[in-house]
Amino acid sequence: MINFEEELKKFHPSPEVEEAVDTIYNQDLTDMADLLVKLIKDSQQQEQE
């Protein structure tokens, strides 16, 4: 039978996964709300010109 306590002691997270998580969380991603705000601002600036 599997001894879960022993298996947990052997567990080490993959360094590639940790690096990927850091990269994903540290990126400044533009979402749809950001795009809409930019479009509205650009539209307002064009109207003022």
PDB file of N, CA and C in Angstrom:
ATOM      1  N   MET A   1       0.825  -1.187   0.000  1.00  0.00           N
ATOM      2  CA  MET A   1       0.000   0.000   0.000  1.00  0.00           C
ATOM      3  C   MET A   1       0.870   1.252   0.000  1.00  0.00           C
ATOM      4  N   ILE A   2       0.325   2.333  -0.511  1.00  0.00           N
ATOM      5  CA  ILE A   2       1.077   3.591  -0.585  1.00  0.00           C
ATOM      6  C   ILE A   2       1.075   4.271   0.775  1.00  0.00           C
ATOM      7  N   ASN A   3       2.252   4.657   1.216  1.00  0.00           N
ATOM      8  CA  ASN A   3       2.383   5.411   2.454  1.00  0.00           C
ATOM      9  C   ASN A   3       2.438   6.897   2.066  1.00  0.00           C
ATOM     10  N   PHE A   4       1.321   7.573   2.244  1.00  0.00           N
ATOM     11  CA  PHE A   4       1.211   8.956   1.801  1.00  0.00           C
ATOM     12  C   PHE A   4       2.166   9.887   2.544  1.00  0.00           C
ATOM     13  N   GLU A   5       2.397   9.624   3.788  1.00  0.00           N
ATOM     14  CA  GLU A   5       3.314  10.467   4.562  1.00  0.00           C
ATOM     15  C   GLU A   5       4.731  10.397   3.976  1.00  0.00           C
ATOM     16  N   GLU A   6       5.168   9.186   3.607  1.00  0.00           N
ATOM     17  CA  GLU A   6       6.495   9.018   3.014  1.00  0.00           C
ATOM     18  C   GLU A   6       6.563   9.690   1.641  1.00  0.00           C
ATOM     19  N   GLU A   7       5.511   9.551   0.864  1.00  0.00           N
ATOM     20  CA  GLU A   7       5.476  10.168  -0.464  1.00  0.00           C
ATOM     21  C   GLU A   7       5.514  11.693  -0.361  1.00  0.00           C
ATOM     22  N   LEU A   8       4.819  12.254   0.610  1.00  0.00           N
ATOM     23  CA  LEU A   8       4.837  13.702   0.797  1.00  0.00           C
ATOM     24  C   LEU A   8       6.220  14.210   1.201  1.00  0.00           C
ATOM     25  N   LYS A   9       6.942  13.413   1.965  1.00  0.00           N
ATOM     26  CA  LYS A   9       8.300  13.804   2.352  1.00  0.00           C
ATOM     27  C   LYS A   9       9.216  13.865   1.131  1.00  0.00           C
ATOM     28  N   LYS A  10       8.966  13.025   0.124  1.00  0.00           N
ATOM     29  CA  LYS A  10       9.802  12.979  -1.077  1.00  0.00           C
ATOM     30  C   LYS A  10       9.448  14.069  -2.081  1.00  0.00           C
ATOM     31  N   PHE A  11       8.299  14.703  -1.908  1.00  0.00           N
ATOM     32  CA  PHE A  11       7.810  15.665  -2.897  1.00  0.00           C
ATOM     33  C   PHE A  11       8.660  16.927  -2.927  1.00  0.00           C
ATOM     34  N   HIS A  12       9.030  17.342  -4.147  1.00  0.00           N
ATOM     35  CA  HIS A  12       9.718  18.614  -4.374  1.00  0.00           C
ATOM     36  C   HIS A  12       9.065  19.268  -5.587  1.00  0.00           C
ATOM     37  N   PRO A  13       8.606  20.510  -5.453  1.00  0.00           N
ATOM     38  CA  PRO A  13       7.963  21.158  -6.602  1.00  0.00           C
ATOM     39  C   PRO A  13       8.947  21.344  -7.764  1.00  0.00           C
ATOM     40  N   SER A  14       8.427  21.291  -8.945  1.00  0.00           N
ATOM     41  CA  SER A  14       9.246  21.452 -10.140  1.00  0.00           C
ATOM     42  C   SER A  14       9.696  22.908 -10.261  1.00  0.00           C
ATOM     43  N   PRO A  15      10.991  23.142 -10.458  1.00  0.00           N
ATOM     44  CA  PRO A  15      11.484  24.529 -10.601  1.00  0.00           C
ATOM     45  C   PRO A  15      10.881  25.238 -11.814  1.00  0.00           C
ATOM     46  N   GLU A  16      10.598  24.502 -12.883  1.00  0.00           N
ATOM     47  CA  GLU A  16      10.017  25.107 -14.077  1.00  0.00           C
ATOM     48  C   GLU A  16       8.629  25.669 -13.780  1.00  0.00           C
ATOM     49  N   VAL A  17       7.865  24.959 -12.973  1.00  0.00           N
ATOM     50  CA  VAL A  17       6.525  25.426 -12.620  1.00  0.00           C
ATOM     51  C   VAL A  17       6.624  26.680 -11.770  1.00  0.00           C
ATOM     52  N   GLU A  18       7.540  26.706 -10.819  1.00  0.00           N
ATOM     53  CA  GLU A  18       7.711  27.888  -9.970  1.00  0.00           C
ATOM     54  C   GLU A  18       8.121  29.098 -10.802  1.00  0.00           C
ATOM     55  N   GLU A  19       9.017  28.894 -11.770  1.00  0.00           N
ATOM     56  CA  GLU A  19       9.433  29.994 -12.643  1.00  0.00           C
ATOM     57  C   GLU A  19       8.267  30.488 -13.484  1.00  0.00           C
ATOM     58  N   ALA A  20       7.471  29.570 -13.986  1.00  0.00           N
ATOM     59  CA  ALA A  20       6.319  29.957 -14.804  1.00  0.00           C
ATOM     60  C   ALA A  20       5.320  30.761 -13.984  1.00  0.00           C
ATOM     61  N   VAL A  21       5.076  30.333 -12.768  1.00  0.00           N
ATOM     62  CA  VAL A  21       4.138  31.050 -11.898  1.00  0.00           C
ATOM     63  C   VAL A  21       4.640  32.468 -11.644  1.00  0.00           C
ATOM     64  N   ASP A  22       5.932  32.622 -11.351  1.00  0.00           N
ATOM     65  CA  ASP A  22       6.501  33.949 -11.124  1.00  0.00           C
ATOM     66  C   ASP A  22       6.360  34.824 -12.360  1.00  0.00           C
ATOM     67  N   THR A  23       6.639  34.261 -13.523  1.00  0.00           N
ATOM     68  CA  THR A  23       6.548  35.023 -14.766  1.00  0.00           C
ATOM     69  C   THR A  23       5.116  35.464 -15.033  1.00  0.00           C
ATOM     70  N   ILE A  24       4.174  34.576 -14.833  1.00  0.00           N
ATOM     71  CA  ILE A  24       2.767  34.904 -15.099  1.00  0.00           C
ATOM     72  C   ILE A  24       2.279  35.987 -14.157  1.00  0.00           C
ATOM     73  N   TYR A  25       2.568  35.865 -12.872  1.00  0.00           N
ATOM     74  CA  TYR A  25       2.076  36.842 -11.911  1.00  0.00           C
ATOM     75  C   TYR A  25       2.773  38.192 -12.026  1.00  0.00           C
ATOM     76  N   ASN A  26       3.994  38.232 -12.536  1.00  0.00           N
ATOM     77  CA  ASN A  26       4.728  39.486 -12.630  1.00  0.00           C
ATOM     78  C   ASN A  26       4.495  40.226 -13.942  1.00  0.00           C
ATOM     79  N   GLN A  27       3.740  39.641 -14.861  1.00  0.00           N
ATOM     80  CA  GLN A  27       3.451  40.324 -16.121  1.00  0.00           C
ATOM     81  C   GLN A  27       2.331  41.319 -15.931  1.00  0.00           C
ATOM     82  N   ASP A  28       2.444  42.425 -16.655  1.00  0.00           N
ATOM     83  CA  ASP A  28       1.382  43.426 -16.647  1.00  0.00           C
ATOM     84  C   ASP A  28       0.500  43.143 -17.862  1.00  0.00           C
ATOM     85  N   LEU A  29      -0.547  42.381 -17.650  1.00  0.00           N
ATOM     86  CA  LEU A  29      -1.401  41.973 -18.751  1.00  0.00           C
ATOM     87  C   LEU A  29      -2.542  42.972 -18.942  1.00  0.00           C
ATOM     88  N   THR A  30      -2.808  43.305 -20.178  1.00  0.00           N
ATOM     89  CA  THR A  30      -3.913  44.197 -20.516  1.00  0.00           C
ATOM     90  C   THR A  30      -5.167  43.353 -20.679  1.00  0.00           C
ATOM     91  N   ASP A  31      -6.230  43.744 -19.992  1.00  0.00           N
ATOM     92  CA  ASP A  31      -7.480  43.006 -20.151  1.00  0.00           C
ATOM     93  C   ASP A  31      -8.470  43.872 -20.930  1.00  0.00           C
ATOM     94  N   MET A  32      -9.664  43.354 -21.138  1.00  0.00           N
ATOM     95  CA  MET A  32     -10.663  44.065 -21.935  1.00  0.00           C
ATOM     96  C   MET A  32     -11.041  45.403 -21.313  1.00  0.00           C
ATOM     97  N   ALA A  33     -11.108  45.477 -20.010  1.00  0.00           N
ATOM     98  CA  ALA A  33     -11.459  46.738 -19.354  1.00  0.00           C
ATOM     99  C   ALA A  33     -10.396  47.801 -19.649  1.00  0.00           C
ATOM    100  N   ASP A  34      -9.118  47.415 -19.609  1.00  0.00           N
ATOM    101  CA  ASP A  34      -8.036  48.351 -19.930  1.00  0.00           C
ATOM    102  C   ASP A  34      -8.146  48.838 -21.373  1.00  0.00           C
ATOM    103  N   LEU A  35      -8.467  47.926 -22.281  1.00  0.00           N
ATOM    104  CA  LEU A  35      -8.604  48.305 -23.688  1.00  0.00           C
ATOM    105  C   LEU A  35      -9.766  49.269 -23.889  1.00  0.00           C
ATOM    106  N   LEU A  36     -10.889  49.012 -23.224  1.00  0.00           N
ATOM    107  CA  LEU A  36     -12.044  49.903 -23.359  1.00  0.00           C
ATOM    108  C   LEU A  36     -11.745  51.290 -22.808  1.00  0.00           C
ATOM    109  N   VAL A  37     -11.071  51.372 -21.679  1.00  0.00           N
ATOM    110  CA  VAL A  37     -10.711  52.672 -21.108  1.00  0.00           C
ATOM    111  C   VAL A  37      -9.808  53.428 -22.071  1.00  0.00           C
ATOM    112  N   LYS A  38      -8.838  52.741 -22.670  1.00  0.00           N
ATOM    113  CA  LYS A  38      -7.936  53.392 -23.622  1.00  0.00           C
ATOM    114  C   LYS A  38      -8.697  53.882 -24.845  1.00  0.00           C
ATOM    115  N   LEU A  39      -9.602  53.072 -25.364  1.00  0.00           N
ATOM    116  CA  LEU A  39     -10.390  53.478 -26.528  1.00  0.00           C
ATOM    117  C   LEU A  39     -11.240  54.715 -26.224  1.00  0.00           C
ATOM    118  N   ILE A  40     -11.843  54.751 -25.050  1.00  0.00           N
ATOM    119  CA  ILE A  40     -12.672  55.901 -24.660  1.00  0.00           C
ATOM    120  C   ILE A  40     -11.811  57.152 -24.531  1.00  0.00           C
ATOM    121  N   LYS A  41     -10.656  57.029 -23.891  1.00  0.00           N
ATOM    122  CA  LYS A  41      -9.756  58.180 -23.747  1.00  0.00           C
ATOM    123  C   LYS A  41      -9.285  58.678 -25.108  1.00  0.00           C
ATOM    124  N   ASP A  42      -8.910  57.756 -25.990  1.00  0.00           N
ATOM    125  CA  ASP A  42      -8.465  58.142 -27.323  1.00  0.00           C
ATOM    126  C   ASP A  42      -9.589  58.834 -28.086  1.00  0.00           C
ATOM    127  N   SER A  43     -10.790  58.319 -27.953  1.00  0.00           N
ATOM    128  CA  SER A  43     -11.948  58.912 -28.626  1.00  0.00           C
ATOM    129  C   SER A  43     -12.204  60.325 -28.114  1.00  0.00           C
ATOM    130  N   GLN A  44     -12.117  60.518 -26.814  1.00  0.00           N
ATOM    131  CA  GLN A  44     -12.332  61.841 -26.232  1.00  0.00           C
ATOM    132  C   GLN A  44     -11.252  62.820 -26.675  1.00  0.00           C
ATOM    133  N   GLN A  45     -10.020  62.362 -26.785  1.00  0.00           N
ATOM    134  CA  GLN A  45      -8.940  63.230 -27.223  1.00  0.00           C
ATOM    135  C   GLN A  45      -9.126  63.655 -28.669  1.00  0.00           C
ATOM    136  N   GLN A  46      -9.610  62.753 -29.497  1.00  0.00           N
ATOM    137  CA  GLN A  46      -9.846  63.067 -30.913  1.00  0.00           C
ATOM    138  C   GLN A  46     -10.977  64.077 -31.050  1.00  0.00           C
ATOM    139  N   GLU A  47     -11.987  63.985 -30.216  1.00  0.00           N
ATOM    140  CA  GLU A  47     -13.093  64.938 -30.253  1.00  0.00           C
ATOM    141  C   GLU A  47     -12.641  66.336 -29.865  1.00  0.00           C
ATOM    142  N   GLN A  48     -11.685  66.436 -28.966  1.00  0.00           N
ATOM    143  CA  GLN A  48     -11.202  67.732 -28.490  1.00  0.00           C
ATOM    144  C   GLN A  48     -10.319  68.408 -29.542  1.00  0.00           C
ATOM    145  N   GLU A  49      -9.747  67.658 -30.448  1.00  0.00           N
ATOM    146  CA  GLU A  49      -8.821  68.238 -31.435  1.00  0.00           C
ATOM    147  C   GLU A  49      -9.544  68.911 -32.556  1.00  0.00           C
TER     148      GLU A  49
END
